[in-house]
Amino acid sequence: MSGSHRLANHPTSGAQRMRGFTLVELLIVAVVLAVLAAIVVPTLGNATAPLPRPLADLIEHDLRRARIESIGQVREMLVVVGRERDRWWIQTADAAGAQGALPNSVRILGRGTLAPFEGLALELRVDGATPPSADAVIAAYTAQGVRDNRTVDVTLVHQAADEPVARWRIAPQRSRLQDIELSTGSSSMGSGSTR
């Protein structure tokens, strides 16, 4: 018996092995892909939203920088939030506004490295009161690097919806931000920890 004769009589010849997918198999694959897409797509949408913790870390960095600058220059330093509430900077106590800001200390939400925070603003409460709609000092350091005794609450909000995203507190004489739970009862950072 030759090899070609065996292949011709075998029920699973090459032509029969080359079959396509059935309609049922294609439908099962489509359903599985649809379920996976329903799980993954909402997660990807949230991945583009900026996380508030890096912003809090940057504010803390600037508070520490203001303290170091006050000691190094033996001058009073201020951390100021602009009247638009979308920017902050460090300046000497005798400087006039953002024009007197220290080099590389002006931070603007929605620009540069803060581009993902476009449309957000900082709401302030200093010792429980909302400051007037002008530049607001959130921290003042003496020439020895000692911060003032004011309690400052900073809330990151969506300007259009007036919806809070995160809330932090700067305790008197401190340069760290403490996470505060939002009024909805959920933690702004998910942990509510003190930094």
N, C-alpha and C. Protein backbone atom coordinates (compact mmCIF):
# COMPACT_ATOMS: atom_id res chain seq x y z
N MET A 1 0.85 -1.16 0.00
CA MET A 1 0.00 0.00 0.00
C MET A 1 0.89 1.23 0.00
N SER A 2 0.67 2.10 -0.94
CA SER A 2 1.52 3.28 -1.03
C SER A 2 1.03 4.36 -0.08
N GLY A 3 1.91 5.35 0.23
CA GLY A 3 1.59 6.43 1.17
C GLY A 3 0.49 7.33 0.65
N SER A 4 0.44 7.56 -0.70
CA SER A 4 -0.58 8.46 -1.25
C SER A 4 -1.95 7.80 -1.19
N HIS A 5 -2.01 6.46 -1.30
CA HIS A 5 -3.27 5.75 -1.23
C HIS A 5 -3.85 5.82 0.19
N ARG A 6 -2.98 5.73 1.22
CA ARG A 6 -3.48 5.82 2.60
C ARG A 6 -4.07 7.20 2.88
N LEU A 7 -3.45 8.27 2.41
CA LEU A 7 -3.95 9.62 2.66
C LEU A 7 -5.29 9.84 1.96
N ALA A 8 -5.45 9.31 0.80
CA ALA A 8 -6.69 9.51 0.06
C ALA A 8 -7.85 8.83 0.75
N ASN A 9 -7.65 7.67 1.38
CA ASN A 9 -8.72 6.94 2.03
C ASN A 9 -8.93 7.36 3.48
N HIS A 10 -8.02 8.15 4.04
CA HIS A 10 -8.13 8.54 5.45
C HIS A 10 -9.21 9.61 5.60
N PRO A 11 -10.11 9.47 6.60
CA PRO A 11 -11.24 10.40 6.72
C PRO A 11 -10.81 11.85 7.04
N THR A 12 -9.63 12.07 7.57
CA THR A 12 -9.20 13.43 7.90
C THR A 12 -8.11 13.85 6.95
N SER A 13 -8.43 13.94 5.70
CA SER A 13 -7.44 14.35 4.71
C SER A 13 -7.17 15.85 4.85
N GLY A 14 -6.16 16.38 4.15
CA GLY A 14 -5.76 17.78 4.21
C GLY A 14 -6.90 18.72 3.88
N ALA A 15 -7.74 18.40 2.96
CA ALA A 15 -8.84 19.27 2.56
C ALA A 15 -9.88 19.38 3.67
N GLN A 16 -10.09 18.29 4.38
CA GLN A 16 -11.09 18.32 5.45
C GLN A 16 -10.56 19.01 6.70
N ARG A 17 -9.26 18.98 6.94
CA ARG A 17 -8.69 19.65 8.12
C ARG A 17 -8.76 21.16 7.99
N MET A 18 -8.85 21.74 6.85
CA MET A 18 -8.87 23.18 6.60
C MET A 18 -10.31 23.69 6.61
N ARG A 19 -10.95 23.65 7.77
CA ARG A 19 -12.32 24.14 7.84
C ARG A 19 -12.33 25.49 8.55
N GLY A 20 -13.35 26.29 8.37
CA GLY A 20 -13.47 27.60 8.99
C GLY A 20 -14.17 27.51 10.34
N PHE A 21 -14.32 28.70 10.97
CA PHE A 21 -15.05 28.77 12.24
C PHE A 21 -16.54 28.69 11.97
N THR A 22 -17.26 28.07 12.89
CA THR A 22 -18.71 28.04 12.76
C THR A 22 -19.27 29.36 13.27
N LEU A 23 -20.51 29.61 12.96
CA LEU A 23 -21.17 30.84 13.40
C LEU A 23 -21.23 30.90 14.92
N VAL A 24 -21.47 29.79 15.57
CA VAL A 24 -21.53 29.75 17.04
C VAL A 24 -20.18 30.12 17.65
N GLU A 25 -19.09 29.61 17.09
CA GLU A 25 -17.75 29.93 17.61
C GLU A 25 -17.45 31.43 17.45
N LEU A 26 -17.83 32.00 16.32
CA LEU A 26 -17.61 33.44 16.11
C LEU A 26 -18.43 34.28 17.08
N LEU A 27 -19.66 33.87 17.34
CA LEU A 27 -20.50 34.59 18.29
C LEU A 27 -19.93 34.52 19.71
N ILE A 28 -19.41 33.38 20.09
CA ILE A 28 -18.81 33.24 21.43
C ILE A 28 -17.61 34.17 21.57
N VAL A 29 -16.75 34.22 20.55
CA VAL A 29 -15.59 35.11 20.58
C VAL A 29 -16.04 36.56 20.67
N ALA A 30 -17.06 36.94 19.91
CA ALA A 30 -17.56 38.31 19.92
C ALA A 30 -18.11 38.68 21.30
N VAL A 31 -18.84 37.77 21.94
CA VAL A 31 -19.40 38.03 23.27
C VAL A 31 -18.28 38.20 24.30
N VAL A 32 -17.26 37.34 24.24
CA VAL A 32 -16.14 37.44 25.18
C VAL A 32 -15.42 38.78 25.00
N LEU A 33 -15.17 39.19 23.75
CA LEU A 33 -14.51 40.48 23.50
C LEU A 33 -15.37 41.64 23.98
N ALA A 34 -16.68 41.56 23.81
CA ALA A 34 -17.57 42.63 24.27
C ALA A 34 -17.54 42.76 25.80
N VAL A 35 -17.53 41.63 26.50
CA VAL A 35 -17.46 41.66 27.96
C VAL A 35 -16.13 42.27 28.42
N LEU A 36 -15.03 41.86 27.80
CA LEU A 36 -13.73 42.43 28.16
C LEU A 36 -13.68 43.93 27.88
N ALA A 37 -14.25 44.37 26.76
CA ALA A 37 -14.27 45.79 26.44
C ALA A 37 -15.09 46.57 27.46
N ALA A 38 -16.21 45.99 27.90
CA ALA A 38 -17.04 46.66 28.90
C ALA A 38 -16.31 46.83 30.23
N ILE A 39 -15.40 45.93 30.52
CA ILE A 39 -14.63 46.02 31.76
C ILE A 39 -13.48 47.01 31.62
N VAL A 40 -12.78 46.98 30.49
CA VAL A 40 -11.55 47.75 30.31
C VAL A 40 -11.80 49.21 29.94
N VAL A 41 -12.77 49.51 29.10
CA VAL A 41 -12.96 50.87 28.60
C VAL A 41 -13.25 51.88 29.71
N PRO A 42 -14.15 51.63 30.66
CA PRO A 42 -14.34 52.62 31.73
C PRO A 42 -13.06 52.84 32.56
N THR A 43 -12.29 51.81 32.76
CA THR A 43 -11.03 51.95 33.49
C THR A 43 -10.06 52.83 32.75
N LEU A 44 -9.98 52.69 31.44
CA LEU A 44 -9.10 53.54 30.64
C LEU A 44 -9.56 54.99 30.66
N GLY A 45 -10.85 55.23 30.70
CA GLY A 45 -11.37 56.59 30.77
C GLY A 45 -10.93 57.29 32.05
N ASN A 46 -10.93 56.59 33.15
CA ASN A 46 -10.50 57.17 34.42
C ASN A 46 -8.99 57.34 34.48
N ALA A 47 -8.25 56.61 33.67
CA ALA A 47 -6.80 56.69 33.71
C ALA A 47 -6.30 58.04 33.23
N THR A 48 -7.09 58.75 32.44
CA THR A 48 -6.65 60.05 31.93
C THR A 48 -6.92 61.17 32.93
N ALA A 49 -7.74 60.95 33.94
CA ALA A 49 -8.02 61.99 34.93
C ALA A 49 -6.79 62.22 35.79
N PRO A 50 -6.44 63.48 36.06
CA PRO A 50 -5.24 63.74 36.86
C PRO A 50 -5.46 63.32 38.32
N LEU A 51 -4.44 62.78 38.91
CA LEU A 51 -4.51 62.38 40.30
C LEU A 51 -4.14 63.58 41.17
N PRO A 52 -4.91 63.84 42.23
CA PRO A 52 -4.62 65.01 43.05
C PRO A 52 -3.37 64.88 43.93
N ARG A 53 -2.92 63.68 44.25
CA ARG A 53 -1.77 63.52 45.15
C ARG A 53 -0.50 64.17 44.61
N PRO A 54 -0.16 64.03 43.31
CA PRO A 54 1.03 64.73 42.82
C PRO A 54 0.93 66.24 42.96
N LEU A 55 -0.28 66.78 42.85
CA LEU A 55 -0.47 68.22 43.04
C LEU A 55 -0.21 68.59 44.49
N ALA A 56 -0.71 67.79 45.42
CA ALA A 56 -0.45 68.03 46.84
C ALA A 56 1.04 67.96 47.14
N ASP A 57 1.71 66.99 46.52
CA ASP A 57 3.17 66.87 46.71
C ASP A 57 3.90 68.10 46.20
N LEU A 58 3.44 68.67 45.09
CA LEU A 58 4.07 69.87 44.54
C LEU A 58 3.85 71.07 45.46
N ILE A 59 2.65 71.21 46.01
CA ILE A 59 2.38 72.30 46.96
C ILE A 59 3.28 72.15 48.18
N GLU A 60 3.39 70.93 48.70
CA GLU A 60 4.29 70.69 49.85
C GLU A 60 5.73 71.04 49.50
N HIS A 61 6.16 70.66 48.30
CA HIS A 61 7.51 70.99 47.85
C HIS A 61 7.73 72.50 47.88
N ASP A 62 6.73 73.26 47.40
CA ASP A 62 6.87 74.71 47.37
C ASP A 62 6.84 75.32 48.77
N LEU A 63 6.07 74.72 49.67
CA LEU A 63 6.08 75.19 51.06
C LEU A 63 7.47 74.98 51.68
N ARG A 64 8.05 73.81 51.43
CA ARG A 64 9.40 73.54 51.96
C ARG A 64 10.43 74.47 51.31
N ARG A 65 10.26 74.71 50.00
CA ARG A 65 11.20 75.60 49.32
C ARG A 65 11.12 77.01 49.91
N ALA A 66 9.91 77.50 50.18
CA ALA A 66 9.75 78.83 50.77
C ALA A 66 10.46 78.90 52.13
N ARG A 67 10.34 77.85 52.90
CA ARG A 67 11.02 77.82 54.21
C ARG A 67 12.53 77.85 54.03
N ILE A 68 13.05 77.05 53.11
CA ILE A 68 14.50 77.01 52.87
C ILE A 68 14.99 78.35 52.34
N GLU A 69 14.24 78.96 51.43
CA GLU A 69 14.62 80.26 50.88
C GLU A 69 14.62 81.33 51.98
N SER A 70 13.66 81.26 52.89
CA SER A 70 13.61 82.26 53.97
C SER A 70 14.85 82.15 54.86
N ILE A 71 15.27 80.93 55.13
CA ILE A 71 16.47 80.73 55.95
C ILE A 71 17.71 81.14 55.16
N GLY A 72 17.79 80.71 53.91
CA GLY A 72 18.97 80.99 53.09
C GLY A 72 19.17 82.47 52.80
N GLN A 73 18.06 83.17 52.54
CA GLN A 73 18.16 84.60 52.22
C GLN A 73 17.98 85.49 53.44
N VAL A 74 17.65 84.89 54.57
CA VAL A 74 17.36 85.62 55.82
C VAL A 74 16.34 86.73 55.53
N ARG A 75 15.22 86.31 54.90
CA ARG A 75 14.13 87.22 54.55
C ARG A 75 12.81 86.50 54.74
N GLU A 76 11.78 87.27 54.98
CA GLU A 76 10.44 86.68 55.03
C GLU A 76 10.03 86.22 53.64
N MET A 77 9.45 85.03 53.56
CA MET A 77 8.95 84.48 52.30
C MET A 77 7.47 84.15 52.44
N LEU A 78 6.77 84.30 51.33
CA LEU A 78 5.33 84.02 51.28
C LEU A 78 5.04 83.01 50.18
N VAL A 79 4.07 82.14 50.44
CA VAL A 79 3.50 81.30 49.39
C VAL A 79 2.13 81.90 49.12
N VAL A 80 1.92 82.33 47.86
CA VAL A 80 0.73 83.10 47.50
C VAL A 80 -0.06 82.37 46.43
N VAL A 81 -1.40 82.33 46.60
CA VAL A 81 -2.30 81.82 45.56
C VAL A 81 -2.90 83.03 44.87
N GLY A 82 -2.83 83.06 43.54
CA GLY A 82 -3.32 84.20 42.77
C GLY A 82 -4.82 84.36 42.82
N ARG A 83 -5.26 85.56 42.48
CA ARG A 83 -6.69 85.90 42.56
C ARG A 83 -7.55 84.99 41.68
N GLU A 84 -6.97 84.46 40.58
CA GLU A 84 -7.72 83.56 39.70
C GLU A 84 -7.88 82.17 40.33
N ARG A 85 -7.10 81.90 41.37
CA ARG A 85 -7.11 80.62 42.10
C ARG A 85 -6.67 79.45 41.22
N ASP A 86 -5.99 79.74 40.12
CA ASP A 86 -5.46 78.69 39.27
C ASP A 86 -3.93 78.70 39.26
N ARG A 87 -3.32 79.45 40.17
CA ARG A 87 -1.86 79.56 40.20
C ARG A 87 -1.38 79.91 41.60
N TRP A 88 -0.12 79.57 41.86
CA TRP A 88 0.53 79.98 43.10
C TRP A 88 2.00 80.19 42.84
N TRP A 89 2.67 80.88 43.78
CA TRP A 89 4.09 81.18 43.65
C TRP A 89 4.69 81.51 45.00
N ILE A 90 6.02 81.63 45.01
CA ILE A 90 6.76 82.02 46.20
C ILE A 90 7.33 83.40 45.94
N GLN A 91 7.23 84.28 46.94
CA GLN A 91 7.79 85.62 46.80
C GLN A 91 8.31 86.10 48.15
N THR A 92 9.14 87.13 48.10
CA THR A 92 9.57 87.75 49.35
C THR A 92 8.40 88.58 49.88
N ALA A 93 8.42 88.87 51.17
CA ALA A 93 7.31 89.60 51.79
C ALA A 93 7.15 91.01 51.22
N ASP A 94 8.23 91.60 50.72
CA ASP A 94 8.16 92.97 50.21
C ASP A 94 7.90 93.03 48.70
N ALA A 95 7.75 91.89 48.03
CA ALA A 95 7.49 91.87 46.58
C ALA A 95 6.02 92.18 46.32
N ALA A 96 5.74 92.67 45.12
CA ALA A 96 4.37 93.03 44.75
C ALA A 96 3.83 92.04 43.72
N GLY A 97 3.08 91.05 44.17
CA GLY A 97 2.42 90.12 43.26
C GLY A 97 3.33 89.16 42.55
N ALA A 98 2.79 88.51 41.54
CA ALA A 98 3.51 87.46 40.81
C ALA A 98 4.74 87.99 40.09
N GLN A 99 4.81 89.31 39.84
CA GLN A 99 5.99 89.87 39.19
C GLN A 99 7.22 89.72 40.10
N GLY A 100 7.02 89.66 41.39
CA GLY A 100 8.12 89.50 42.32
C GLY A 100 8.37 88.07 42.73
N ALA A 101 7.81 87.11 41.98
CA ALA A 101 7.95 85.70 42.32
C ALA A 101 9.39 85.25 42.15
N LEU A 102 9.81 84.31 43.01
CA LEU A 102 11.14 83.73 42.87
C LEU A 102 11.22 82.99 41.54
N PRO A 103 12.42 82.90 40.96
CA PRO A 103 12.56 82.18 39.69
C PRO A 103 12.05 80.74 39.80
N ASN A 104 11.36 80.31 38.77
CA ASN A 104 10.83 78.94 38.67
C ASN A 104 9.89 78.56 39.82
N SER A 105 9.18 79.53 40.37
CA SER A 105 8.26 79.19 41.46
C SER A 105 6.80 79.39 41.09
N VAL A 106 6.51 79.96 39.92
CA VAL A 106 5.12 80.17 39.52
C VAL A 106 4.56 78.87 38.96
N ARG A 107 3.47 78.41 39.54
CA ARG A 107 2.78 77.17 39.09
C ARG A 107 1.40 77.57 38.61
N ILE A 108 1.04 77.14 37.39
CA ILE A 108 -0.26 77.47 36.84
C ILE A 108 -0.97 76.18 36.43
N LEU A 109 -2.13 75.95 37.01
CA LEU A 109 -2.92 74.77 36.66
C LEU A 109 -3.32 74.85 35.20
N GLY A 110 -3.06 73.78 34.45
CA GLY A 110 -3.41 73.74 33.04
C GLY A 110 -2.26 74.10 32.12
N ARG A 111 -1.09 74.42 32.69
CA ARG A 111 0.07 74.78 31.85
C ARG A 111 1.29 73.97 32.27
N GLY A 112 2.16 73.71 31.29
CA GLY A 112 3.40 72.99 31.56
C GLY A 112 3.14 71.62 32.16
N THR A 113 3.86 71.31 33.25
CA THR A 113 3.68 70.00 33.88
C THR A 113 2.33 69.87 34.57
N LEU A 114 1.64 70.99 34.76
CA LEU A 114 0.32 70.95 35.38
C LEU A 114 -0.80 70.99 34.33
N ALA A 115 -0.47 70.70 33.08
CA ALA A 115 -1.46 70.69 32.00
C ALA A 115 -2.65 69.77 32.27
N PRO A 116 -2.44 68.59 32.89
CA PRO A 116 -3.60 67.72 33.15
C PRO A 116 -4.62 68.33 34.12
N PHE A 117 -4.24 69.40 34.82
CA PHE A 117 -5.13 70.01 35.81
C PHE A 117 -5.89 71.21 35.24
N GLU A 118 -5.97 71.30 33.91
CA GLU A 118 -6.71 72.41 33.29
C GLU A 118 -8.17 72.35 33.70
N GLY A 119 -8.75 73.50 33.99
CA GLY A 119 -10.15 73.57 34.41
C GLY A 119 -10.36 73.37 35.89
N LEU A 120 -9.26 73.20 36.64
CA LEU A 120 -9.36 73.05 38.08
C LEU A 120 -8.87 74.33 38.76
N ALA A 121 -9.30 74.55 39.98
CA ALA A 121 -8.89 75.73 40.74
C ALA A 121 -8.74 75.35 42.20
N LEU A 122 -8.09 76.23 42.95
CA LEU A 122 -7.88 76.03 44.38
C LEU A 122 -8.82 76.95 45.15
N GLU A 123 -9.70 76.37 45.95
CA GLU A 123 -10.52 77.16 46.86
C GLU A 123 -9.82 77.19 48.21
N LEU A 124 -9.84 78.34 48.86
CA LEU A 124 -9.10 78.50 50.11
C LEU A 124 -10.01 78.90 51.26
N ARG A 125 -9.63 78.45 52.44
CA ARG A 125 -10.20 78.93 53.70
C ARG A 125 -9.03 79.10 54.64
N VAL A 126 -8.86 80.31 55.12
CA VAL A 126 -7.77 80.63 56.04
C VAL A 126 -8.39 80.90 57.40
N ASP A 127 -8.03 80.10 58.39
CA ASP A 127 -8.62 80.17 59.73
C ASP A 127 -10.15 80.17 59.66
N GLY A 128 -10.70 79.34 58.78
CA GLY A 128 -12.15 79.16 58.69
C GLY A 128 -12.87 80.18 57.83
N ALA A 129 -12.18 81.20 57.32
CA ALA A 129 -12.82 82.23 56.51
C ALA A 129 -12.29 82.20 55.08
N THR A 130 -13.16 82.52 54.15
CA THR A 130 -12.74 82.61 52.75
C THR A 130 -12.05 83.95 52.54
N PRO A 131 -10.82 83.93 52.02
CA PRO A 131 -10.13 85.20 51.79
C PRO A 131 -10.79 86.00 50.68
N PRO A 132 -10.59 87.32 50.65
CA PRO A 132 -11.17 88.12 49.57
C PRO A 132 -10.64 87.68 48.21
N SER A 133 -11.36 88.09 47.16
CA SER A 133 -10.96 87.67 45.81
C SER A 133 -9.77 88.49 45.33
N ALA A 134 -8.66 88.28 45.98
CA ALA A 134 -7.38 88.90 45.61
C ALA A 134 -6.32 87.84 45.86
N ASP A 135 -5.06 88.17 45.57
CA ASP A 135 -3.99 87.23 45.89
C ASP A 135 -4.07 86.89 47.38
N ALA A 136 -3.92 85.62 47.72
CA ALA A 136 -4.07 85.18 49.11
C ALA A 136 -2.80 84.47 49.57
N VAL A 137 -2.28 84.90 50.70
CA VAL A 137 -1.10 84.26 51.29
C VAL A 137 -1.57 83.02 52.03
N ILE A 138 -1.01 81.86 51.67
CA ILE A 138 -1.38 80.63 52.37
C ILE A 138 -0.31 80.21 53.36
N ALA A 139 0.89 80.79 53.26
CA ALA A 139 1.95 80.49 54.23
C ALA A 139 2.95 81.64 54.23
N ALA A 140 3.30 82.07 55.43
CA ALA A 140 4.32 83.11 55.60
C ALA A 140 5.40 82.56 56.50
N TYR A 141 6.66 82.70 56.07
CA TYR A 141 7.81 82.20 56.82
C TYR A 141 8.67 83.36 57.26
N THR A 142 9.08 83.34 58.52
CA THR A 142 9.99 84.37 59.02
C THR A 142 11.38 84.14 58.44
N ALA A 143 12.28 85.07 58.69
CA ALA A 143 13.66 84.94 58.20
C ALA A 143 14.37 83.75 58.84
N GLN A 144 13.81 83.21 59.91
CA GLN A 144 14.37 82.01 60.55
C GLN A 144 13.69 80.74 60.08
N GLY A 145 12.75 80.84 59.16
CA GLY A 145 12.08 79.67 58.60
C GLY A 145 10.89 79.18 59.38
N VAL A 146 10.35 79.99 60.27
CA VAL A 146 9.19 79.59 61.08
C VAL A 146 7.92 80.03 60.36
N ARG A 147 7.00 79.10 60.17
CA ARG A 147 5.74 79.41 59.48
C ARG A 147 4.73 80.01 60.45
N ASP A 148 3.80 80.79 59.91
CA ASP A 148 2.78 81.46 60.70
C ASP A 148 1.83 80.45 61.36
N ASN A 149 0.93 80.96 62.20
CA ASN A 149 0.03 80.11 62.99
C ASN A 149 -1.35 79.94 62.37
N ARG A 150 -1.49 80.18 61.09
CA ARG A 150 -2.81 80.07 60.47
C ARG A 150 -3.07 78.64 59.99
N THR A 151 -4.33 78.24 60.07
CA THR A 151 -4.77 76.96 59.49
C THR A 151 -5.35 77.26 58.12
N VAL A 152 -4.86 76.57 57.10
CA VAL A 152 -5.31 76.82 55.73
C VAL A 152 -5.90 75.54 55.17
N ASP A 153 -7.14 75.61 54.69
CA ASP A 153 -7.77 74.51 53.98
C ASP A 153 -7.74 74.82 52.49
N VAL A 154 -7.25 73.87 51.71
CA VAL A 154 -7.14 74.02 50.25
C VAL A 154 -8.00 72.93 49.62
N THR A 155 -8.94 73.34 48.77
CA THR A 155 -9.80 72.39 48.08
C THR A 155 -9.56 72.52 46.58
N LEU A 156 -9.27 71.41 45.94
CA LEU A 156 -9.11 71.37 44.49
C LEU A 156 -10.50 71.12 43.90
N VAL A 157 -10.98 72.04 43.05
CA VAL A 157 -12.34 71.94 42.51
C VAL A 157 -12.33 72.06 40.99
N HIS A 158 -13.32 71.41 40.36
CA HIS A 158 -13.58 71.63 38.93
C HIS A 158 -14.28 72.97 38.84
N GLN A 159 -13.73 73.91 38.07
CA GLN A 159 -14.31 75.24 37.99
C GLN A 159 -15.70 75.22 37.37
N ALA A 160 -15.90 74.47 36.31
CA ALA A 160 -17.19 74.48 35.61
C ALA A 160 -18.30 73.89 36.47
N ALA A 161 -18.03 72.79 37.13
CA ALA A 161 -19.08 72.10 37.90
C ALA A 161 -19.07 72.47 39.37
N ASP A 162 -18.07 73.24 39.80
CA ASP A 162 -17.90 73.59 41.21
C ASP A 162 -17.92 72.32 42.07
N GLU A 163 -17.25 71.28 41.57
CA GLU A 163 -17.22 69.97 42.21
C GLU A 163 -15.86 69.73 42.85
N PRO A 164 -15.81 69.45 44.15
CA PRO A 164 -14.52 69.21 44.79
C PRO A 164 -13.89 67.89 44.35
N VAL A 165 -12.58 67.93 44.15
CA VAL A 165 -11.82 66.75 43.75
C VAL A 165 -11.01 66.23 44.93
N ALA A 166 -10.41 67.14 45.68
CA ALA A 166 -9.58 66.77 46.83
C ALA A 166 -9.56 67.94 47.80
N ARG A 167 -9.27 67.63 49.05
CA ARG A 167 -9.20 68.68 50.07
C ARG A 167 -8.03 68.37 51.00
N TRP A 168 -7.25 69.44 51.30
CA TRP A 168 -6.09 69.29 52.18
C TRP A 168 -6.10 70.40 53.22
N ARG A 169 -5.40 70.16 54.31
CA ARG A 169 -5.24 71.17 55.36
C ARG A 169 -3.75 71.36 55.65
N ILE A 170 -3.37 72.62 55.79
CA ILE A 170 -2.02 72.97 56.24
C ILE A 170 -2.17 73.45 57.67
N ALA A 171 -1.69 72.65 58.61
CA ALA A 171 -1.82 72.98 60.03
C ALA A 171 -0.88 74.14 60.38
N PRO A 172 -1.18 74.85 61.47
CA PRO A 172 -0.32 75.96 61.88
C PRO A 172 1.13 75.50 62.07
N GLN A 173 2.06 76.32 61.62
CA GLN A 173 3.50 76.10 61.73
C GLN A 173 3.96 74.82 61.04
N ARG A 174 3.19 74.31 60.10
CA ARG A 174 3.56 73.09 59.38
C ARG A 174 3.72 73.40 57.90
N SER A 175 4.44 72.51 57.19
CA SER A 175 4.61 72.66 55.75
C SER A 175 4.14 71.41 55.02
N ARG A 176 3.35 70.59 55.69
CA ARG A 176 2.82 69.37 55.08
C ARG A 176 1.31 69.50 54.93
N LEU A 177 0.78 68.83 53.90
CA LEU A 177 -0.65 68.83 53.67
C LEU A 177 -1.26 67.56 54.24
N GLN A 178 -2.33 67.75 54.97
CA GLN A 178 -3.07 66.62 55.54
C GLN A 178 -4.30 66.39 54.66
N ASP A 179 -4.52 65.16 54.24
CA ASP A 179 -5.70 64.83 53.44
C ASP A 179 -6.94 64.95 54.31
N ILE A 180 -7.98 65.57 53.77
CA ILE A 180 -9.25 65.72 54.49
C ILE A 180 -10.32 65.05 53.64
N GLU A 181 -11.23 64.36 54.29
CA GLU A 181 -12.32 63.72 53.56
C GLU A 181 -13.22 64.77 52.94
N LEU A 182 -13.68 64.48 51.73
CA LEU A 182 -14.62 65.38 51.07
C LEU A 182 -15.97 65.30 51.77
N SER A 183 -16.81 66.29 51.57
CA SER A 183 -18.11 66.34 52.24
C SER A 183 -19.02 65.19 51.87
N THR A 184 -18.71 64.49 50.77
CA THR A 184 -19.54 63.35 50.36
C THR A 184 -19.31 62.15 51.28
N GLY A 185 -18.28 62.25 52.15
CA GLY A 185 -17.99 61.15 53.06
C GLY A 185 -16.89 60.26 52.58
N SER A 186 -16.46 60.42 51.32
CA SER A 186 -15.36 59.59 50.83
C SER A 186 -14.07 60.37 50.97
N SER A 187 -12.99 59.66 51.15
CA SER A 187 -11.70 60.31 51.29
C SER A 187 -11.23 60.85 49.97
N SER A 188 -10.65 62.03 49.99
CA SER A 188 -10.19 62.65 48.77
C SER A 188 -9.05 61.87 48.13
N MET A 189 -8.25 61.19 48.92
CA MET A 189 -7.13 60.44 48.38
C MET A 189 -7.34 58.95 48.51
N GLY A 190 -8.42 58.57 49.13
CA GLY A 190 -8.66 57.15 49.32
C GLY A 190 -8.04 56.62 50.60
N SER A 191 -7.20 57.40 51.27
CA SER A 191 -6.57 56.87 52.47
C SER A 191 -6.85 57.74 53.68
N GLY A 192 -6.99 59.06 53.48
CA GLY A 192 -7.24 59.94 54.61
C GLY A 192 -6.07 60.05 55.54
N SER A 193 -4.88 59.70 55.08
CA SER A 193 -3.72 59.70 55.95
C SER A 193 -3.13 61.09 56.09
N THR A 194 -2.39 61.29 57.14
CA THR A 194 -1.71 62.54 57.37
C THR A 194 -0.31 62.44 56.83
N ARG A 195 0.10 63.48 56.13
CA ARG A 195 1.46 63.49 55.59
C ARG A 195 2.25 64.52 56.29
